[in-house]
Structure formats: structure tokens, C-alpha cells
PDB file of N, CA and C in Angstrom:
ATOM      1  N   MET A   1     100.322  78.741  94.147  1.00  0.00           N
ATOM      2  CA  MET A   1     101.187  79.903  94.005  1.00  0.00           C
ATOM      3  C   MET A   1     100.491  81.142  94.581  1.00  0.00           C
ATOM      4  N   SER A   2     101.252  81.933  95.238  1.00  0.00           N
ATOM      5  CA  SER A   2     100.679  83.149  95.856  1.00  0.00           C
ATOM      6  C   SER A   2     101.090  84.431  95.032  1.00  0.00           C
ATOM      7  N   LEU A   3     100.410  85.474  95.336  1.00  0.00           N
ATOM      8  CA  LEU A   3     100.703  86.674  94.619  1.00  0.00           C
ATOM      9  C   LEU A   3     101.984  87.298  95.052  1.00  0.00           C
ATOM     10  N   ASN A   4     102.701  87.881  94.167  1.00  0.00           N
ATOM     11  CA  ASN A   4     103.943  88.452  94.389  1.00  0.00           C
ATOM     12  C   ASN A   4     103.785  89.612  95.486  1.00  0.00           C
ATOM     13  N   LYS A   5     104.584  89.543  96.552  1.00  0.00           N
ATOM     14  CA  LYS A   5     104.487  90.603  97.557  1.00  0.00           C
ATOM     15  C   LYS A   5     104.808  91.984  97.009  1.00  0.00           C
ATOM     16  N   GLU A   6     105.781  92.141  96.095  1.00  0.00           N
ATOM     17  CA  GLU A   6     106.104  93.425  95.524  1.00  0.00           C
ATOM     18  C   GLU A   6     104.903  93.928  94.743  1.00  0.00           C
ATOM     19  N   LEU A   7     104.187  93.044  94.009  1.00  0.00           N
ATOM     20  CA  LEU A   7     102.994  93.500  93.299  1.00  0.00           C
ATOM     21  C   LEU A   7     101.941  94.054  94.290  1.00  0.00           C
ATOM     22  N   LEU A   8     101.730  93.364  95.357  1.00  0.00           N
ATOM     23  CA  LEU A   8     100.709  93.743  96.330  1.00  0.00           C
ATOM     24  C   LEU A   8     101.106  95.089  96.931  1.00  0.00           C
ATOM     25  N   GLU A   9     102.391  95.393  97.131  1.00  0.00           N
ATOM     26  CA  GLU A   9     102.777  96.669  97.631  1.00  0.00           C
ATOM     27  C   GLU A   9     102.463  97.883  96.778  1.00  0.00           C
ATOM     28  N   ILE A  10     102.530  97.670  95.417  1.00  0.00           N
ATOM     29  CA  ILE A  10     102.268  98.774  94.518  1.00  0.00           C
ATOM     30  C   ILE A  10     100.816  98.885  93.988  1.00  0.00           C
ATOM     31  N   LEU A  11     100.012  97.858  94.251  1.00  0.00           N
ATOM     32  CA  LEU A  11      98.621  97.886  93.784  1.00  0.00           C
ATOM     33  C   LEU A  11      97.854  98.886  94.604  1.00  0.00           C
ATOM     34  N   ALA A  12      96.982  99.655  93.997  1.00  0.00           N
ATOM     35  CA  ALA A  12      96.108 100.603  94.749  1.00  0.00           C
ATOM     36  C   ALA A  12      94.716 100.539  94.103  1.00  0.00           C
ATOM     37  N   CYS A  13      93.732 100.942  94.851  1.00  0.00           N
ATOM     38  CA  CYS A  13      92.382 100.940  94.274  1.00  0.00           C
ATOM     39  C   CYS A  13      92.346 101.960  93.134  1.00  0.00           C
ATOM     40  N   PRO A  14      91.757 101.426  92.026  1.00  0.00           N
ATOM     41  CA  PRO A  14      91.671 102.245  90.848  1.00  0.00           C
ATOM     42  C   PRO A  14      90.732 103.385  90.955  1.00  0.00           C
ATOM     43  N   LYS A  15      89.819 103.341  91.956  1.00  0.00           N
ATOM     44  CA  LYS A  15      88.883 104.428  92.110  1.00  0.00           C
ATOM     45  C   LYS A  15      89.345 105.542  93.083  1.00  0.00           C
ATOM     46  N   CYS A  16      89.869 105.169  94.240  1.00  0.00           N
ATOM     47  CA  CYS A  16      90.246 106.122  95.151  1.00  0.00           C
ATOM     48  C   CYS A  16      91.794 106.184  95.489  1.00  0.00           C
ATOM     49  N   LYS A  17      92.511 105.253  94.927  1.00  0.00           N
ATOM     50  CA  LYS A  17      93.991 105.201  95.092  1.00  0.00           C
ATOM     51  C   LYS A  17      94.408 104.652  96.450  1.00  0.00           C
ATOM     52  N   SER A  18      93.563 104.211  97.293  1.00  0.00           N
ATOM     53  CA  SER A  18      93.923 103.747  98.573  1.00  0.00           C
ATOM     54  C   SER A  18      94.635 102.380  98.497  1.00  0.00           C
ATOM     55  N   ASP A  19      95.287 102.012  99.581  1.00  0.00           N
ATOM     56  CA  ASP A  19      96.003 100.675  99.679  1.00  0.00           C
ATOM     57  C   ASP A  19      94.912  99.601  99.753  1.00  0.00           C
ATOM     58  N   LEU A  20      95.249  98.449  99.278  1.00  0.00           N
ATOM     59  CA  LEU A  20      94.424  97.210  99.238  1.00  0.00           C
ATOM     60  C   LEU A  20      94.894  96.199 100.206  1.00  0.00           C
ATOM     61  N   THR A  21      93.970  95.447 100.757  1.00  0.00           N
ATOM     62  CA  THR A  21      94.313  94.397 101.671  1.00  0.00           C
ATOM     63  C   THR A  21      93.825  93.049 101.072  1.00  0.00           C
ATOM     64  N   LEU A  22      94.704  92.091 101.174  1.00  0.00           N
ATOM     65  CA  LEU A  22      94.425  90.715 100.693  1.00  0.00           C
ATOM     66  C   LEU A  22      93.324  90.100 101.526  1.00  0.00           C
ATOM     67  N   VAL A  23      92.357  89.452 100.892  1.00  0.00           N
ATOM     68  CA  VAL A  23      91.163  88.937 101.574  1.00  0.00           C
ATOM     69  C   VAL A  23      91.252  87.349 101.361  1.00  0.00           C
ATOM     70  N   GLY A  24      90.962  86.691 102.521  1.00  0.00           N
ATOM     71  CA  GLY A  24      90.845  85.226 102.508  1.00  0.00           C
ATOM     72  C   GLY A  24      92.120  84.525 102.010  1.00  0.00           C
ATOM     73  N   ARG A  25      91.960  83.452 101.273  1.00  0.00           N
ATOM     74  CA  ARG A  25      93.098  82.768 100.754  1.00  0.00           C
ATOM     75  C   ARG A  25      93.393  83.263  99.356  1.00  0.00           C
ATOM     76  N   GLU A  26      93.733  84.566  99.339  1.00  0.00           N
ATOM     77  CA  GLU A  26      94.076  85.271  98.057  1.00  0.00           C
ATOM     78  C   GLU A  26      92.926  85.217  97.049  1.00  0.00           C
ATOM     79  N   GLU A  27      91.700  85.422  97.582  1.00  0.00           N
ATOM     80  CA  GLU A  27      90.470  85.523  96.768  1.00  0.00           C
ATOM     81  C   GLU A  27      90.171  86.863  96.302  1.00  0.00           C
ATOM     82  N   GLY A  28      90.686  87.913  96.904  1.00  0.00           N
ATOM     83  CA  GLY A  28      90.358  89.191  96.507  1.00  0.00           C
ATOM     84  C   GLY A  28      91.219  90.247  97.226  1.00  0.00           C
ATOM     85  N   LEU A  29      91.032  91.516  96.715  1.00  0.00           N
ATOM     86  CA  LEU A  29      91.796  92.664  97.310  1.00  0.00           C
ATOM     87  C   LEU A  29      90.747  93.654  97.742  1.00  0.00           C
ATOM     88  N   LYS A  30      90.748  94.004  99.046  1.00  0.00           N
ATOM     89  CA  LYS A  30      89.711  94.806  99.710  1.00  0.00           C
ATOM     90  C   LYS A  30      90.219  96.263  99.767  1.00  0.00           C
ATOM     91  N   CYS A  31      89.273  97.180  99.355  1.00  0.00           N
ATOM     92  CA  CYS A  31      89.495  98.565  99.508  1.00  0.00           C
ATOM     93  C   CYS A  31      88.492  99.018 100.567  1.00  0.00           C
ATOM     94  N   VAL A  32      89.040  99.401 101.797  1.00  0.00           N
ATOM     95  CA  VAL A  32      88.132  99.811 102.879  1.00  0.00           C
ATOM     96  C   VAL A  32      87.417 101.064 102.574  1.00  0.00           C
ATOM     97  N   PRO A  33      88.011 102.127 102.134  1.00  0.00           N
ATOM     98  CA  PRO A  33      87.266 103.390 101.835  1.00  0.00           C
ATOM     99  C   PRO A  33      86.188 103.251 100.913  1.00  0.00           C
ATOM    100  N   CYS A  34      86.371 102.460  99.882  1.00  0.00           N
ATOM    101  CA  CYS A  34      85.269 102.225  98.765  1.00  0.00           C
ATOM    102  C   CYS A  34      84.349 101.137  99.200  1.00  0.00           C
ATOM    103  N   ALA A  35      84.623 100.340 100.194  1.00  0.00           N
ATOM    104  CA  ALA A  35      83.856  99.196 100.664  1.00  0.00           C
ATOM    105  C   ALA A  35      83.619  98.198  99.563  1.00  0.00           C
ATOM    106  N   VAL A  36      84.655  97.824  98.752  1.00  0.00           N
ATOM    107  CA  VAL A  36      84.587  96.923  97.730  1.00  0.00           C
ATOM    108  C   VAL A  36      85.694  95.901  97.728  1.00  0.00           C
ATOM    109  N   VAL A  37      85.586  94.831  97.020  1.00  0.00           N
ATOM    110  CA  VAL A  37      86.592  93.824  96.934  1.00  0.00           C
ATOM    111  C   VAL A  37      86.778  93.579  95.370  1.00  0.00           C
ATOM    112  N   TYR A  38      88.073  93.637  94.994  1.00  0.00           N
ATOM    113  CA  TYR A  38      88.392  93.397  93.603  1.00  0.00           C
ATOM    114  C   TYR A  38      88.796  91.848  93.604  1.00  0.00           C
ATOM    115  N   PRO A  39      88.080  91.029  92.902  1.00  0.00           N
ATOM    116  CA  PRO A  39      88.310  89.544  92.909  1.00  0.00           C
ATOM    117  C   PRO A  39      89.646  89.237  92.208  1.00  0.00           C
ATOM    118  N   ILE A  40      90.191  88.139  92.663  1.00  0.00           N
ATOM    119  CA  ILE A  40      91.429  87.594  92.072  1.00  0.00           C
ATOM    120  C   ILE A  40      90.988  86.300  91.273  1.00  0.00           C
ATOM    121  N   LYS A  41      91.159  86.250  90.001  1.00  0.00           N
ATOM    122  CA  LYS A  41      90.817  85.112  89.216  1.00  0.00           C
ATOM    123  C   LYS A  41      91.990  84.505  88.553  1.00  0.00           C
ATOM    124  N   GLU A  42      92.244  83.216  88.818  1.00  0.00           N
ATOM    125  CA  GLU A  42      93.362  82.480  88.268  1.00  0.00           C
ATOM    126  C   GLU A  42      94.709  83.280  88.588  1.00  0.00           C
ATOM    127  N   GLU A  43      94.838  83.703  89.869  1.00  0.00           N
ATOM    128  CA  GLU A  43      95.990  84.384  90.363  1.00  0.00           C
ATOM    129  C   GLU A  43      96.214  85.770  89.784  1.00  0.00           C
ATOM    130  N   ILE A  44      95.246  86.324  89.101  1.00  0.00           N
ATOM    131  CA  ILE A  44      95.307  87.682  88.486  1.00  0.00           C
ATOM    132  C   ILE A  44      94.272  88.535  89.146  1.00  0.00           C
ATOM    133  N   PRO A  45      94.708  89.610  89.748  1.00  0.00           N
ATOM    134  CA  PRO A  45      93.741  90.599  90.357  1.00  0.00           C
ATOM    135  C   PRO A  45      93.016  91.316  89.247  1.00  0.00           C
ATOM    136  N   VAL A  46      91.679  91.379  89.352  1.00  0.00           N
ATOM    137  CA  VAL A  46      90.808  92.033  88.414  1.00  0.00           C
ATOM    138  C   VAL A  46      90.569  93.430  88.875  1.00  0.00           C
ATOM    139  N   MET A  47      91.306  94.423  88.460  1.00  0.00           N
ATOM    140  CA  MET A  47      91.358  95.716  88.966  1.00  0.00           C
ATOM    141  C   MET A  47      90.486  96.681  88.144  1.00  0.00           C
ATOM    142  N   LEU A  48      89.396  96.265  87.806  1.00  0.00           N
ATOM    143  CA  LEU A  48      88.315  97.056  87.103  1.00  0.00           C
ATOM    144  C   LEU A  48      87.283  97.458  88.044  1.00  0.00           C
ATOM    145  N   ILE A  49      87.005  98.809  88.068  1.00  0.00           N
ATOM    146  CA  ILE A  49      85.981  99.374  88.934  1.00  0.00           C
ATOM    147  C   ILE A  49      84.643  98.683  88.700  1.00  0.00           C
ATOM    148  N   ASP A  50      84.327  98.388  87.538  1.00  0.00           N
ATOM    149  CA  ASP A  50      82.999  97.814  87.157  1.00  0.00           C
ATOM    150  C   ASP A  50      82.929  96.324  87.585  1.00  0.00           C
ATOM    151  N   GLU A  51      84.022  95.692  87.997  1.00  0.00           N
ATOM    152  CA  GLU A  51      84.089  94.304  88.429  1.00  0.00           C
ATOM    153  C   GLU A  51      84.197  94.124  89.904  1.00  0.00           C
ATOM    154  N   ALA A  52      84.347  95.299  90.661  1.00  0.00           N
ATOM    155  CA  ALA A  52      84.412  95.248  92.094  1.00  0.00           C
ATOM    156  C   ALA A  52      83.146  94.768  92.667  1.00  0.00           C
ATOM    157  N   VAL A  53      83.283  93.931  93.683  1.00  0.00           N
ATOM    158  CA  VAL A  53      82.113  93.366  94.408  1.00  0.00           C
ATOM    159  C   VAL A  53      81.883  94.223  95.733  1.00  0.00           C
ATOM    160  N   PRO A  54      80.715  94.700  95.947  1.00  0.00           N
ATOM    161  CA  PRO A  54      80.473  95.397  97.230  1.00  0.00           C
ATOM    162  C   PRO A  54      80.899  94.501  98.416  1.00  0.00           C
ATOM    163  N   LEU A  55      81.562  95.120  99.410  1.00  0.00           N
ATOM    164  CA  LEU A  55      82.044  94.418 100.535  1.00  0.00           C
ATOM    165  C   LEU A  55      80.964  93.607 101.220  1.00  0.00           C
ATOM    166  N   THR A  56      79.725  94.154 101.378  1.00  0.00           N
ATOM    167  CA  THR A  56      78.683  93.507 102.083  1.00  0.00           C
ATOM    168  C   THR A  56      78.293  92.167 101.294  1.00  0.00           C
ATOM    169  N   ASP A  57      78.279  92.239  99.954  1.00  0.00           N
ATOM    170  CA  ASP A  57      78.008  91.094  99.167  1.00  0.00           C
ATOM    171  C   ASP A  57      79.118  90.048  99.253  1.00  0.00           C
ATOM    172  N   TRP A  58      80.367  90.538  99.271  1.00  0.00           N
ATOM    173  CA  TRP A  58      81.545  89.627  99.419  1.00  0.00           C
ATOM    174  C   TRP A  58      81.459  88.813 100.756  1.00  0.00           C
ATOM    175  N   GLU A  59      81.083  89.522 101.802  1.00  0.00           N
ATOM    176  CA  GLU A  59      80.987  88.932 103.138  1.00  0.00           C
ATOM    177  C   GLU A  59      79.816  87.851 103.128  1.00  0.00           C
ATOM    178  N   HIS A  60      78.872  87.951 102.199  1.00  0.00           N
ATOM    179  CA  HIS A  60      77.787  86.941 102.107  1.00  0.00           C
ATOM    180  C   HIS A  60      78.048  85.871 101.041  1.00  0.00           C
ATOM    181  N   GLY A  61      79.369  85.808 100.641  1.00  0.00           N
ATOM    182  CA  GLY A  61      79.709  84.709  99.739  1.00  0.00           C
ATOM    183  C   GLY A  61      79.694  84.989  98.192  1.00  0.00           C
ATOM    184  N   VAL A  62      79.269  86.283  97.829  1.00  0.00           N
ATOM    185  CA  VAL A  62      79.219  86.636  96.454  1.00  0.00           C
ATOM    186  C   VAL A  62      80.621  86.960  95.967  1.00  0.00           C
ATOM    187  N   ARG A  63      81.128  86.298  94.910  1.00  0.00           N
ATOM    188  CA  ARG A  63      82.479  86.516  94.442  1.00  0.00           C
ATOM    189  C   ARG A  63      82.526  87.168  93.052  1.00  0.00           C
ATOM    190  N   GLU A  64      81.360  87.412  92.502  1.00  0.00           N
ATOM    191  CA  GLU A  64      81.326  88.190  91.147  1.00  0.00           C
ATOM    192  C   GLU A  64      80.308  89.215  91.211  1.00  0.00           C
ATOM    193  N   LYS A  65      80.494  90.339  90.500  1.00  0.00           N
ATOM    194  CA  LYS A  65      79.523  91.358  90.468  1.00  0.00           C
ATOM    195  C   LYS A  65      78.273  90.958  89.855  1.00  0.00           C
ATOM    196  N   LYS A  66      77.118  91.312  90.401  1.00  0.00           N
ATOM    197  CA  LYS A  66      75.843  91.012  89.836  1.00  0.00           C
ATOM    198  C   LYS A  66      75.528  91.714  88.606  1.00  0.00           C
TER     199      LYS A  66
END
């Protein structure tokens, strides 16, 4: 099952309020200005600033905040 397109349109980065981009096979939502990815777990976006994974870590395969 994929994320609802209407939900994706209204979601914004909780830190800077920028638009988010879907990453990979619906694994996360990327905020370019903040350089972080908010993971998607069990089809639910985890939109907590403290749970965001730095983009460089995400690109190296890290899917959870250290």
C-alpha cells in the first residue's frame, strides 16, 4: 500500500515548513533545506524532528537516528 497522495501534498517539514519529497520505495520523506529524511515506518511518516536522519547518513544506508 502506498501513502495517500493528498497526505503527501499537505505534509511539511516540522522544523522549517518546507515541502517534503518521497525517498526510495516510500522509505522516507526528504527535506532538502534541512538536509534530513523523516523515516516512514509501517506506512506512517515519523514527523518528529528528533527522529529525522541526516541526509548524508540516509545516503549511506542509515534508516534510524543514532
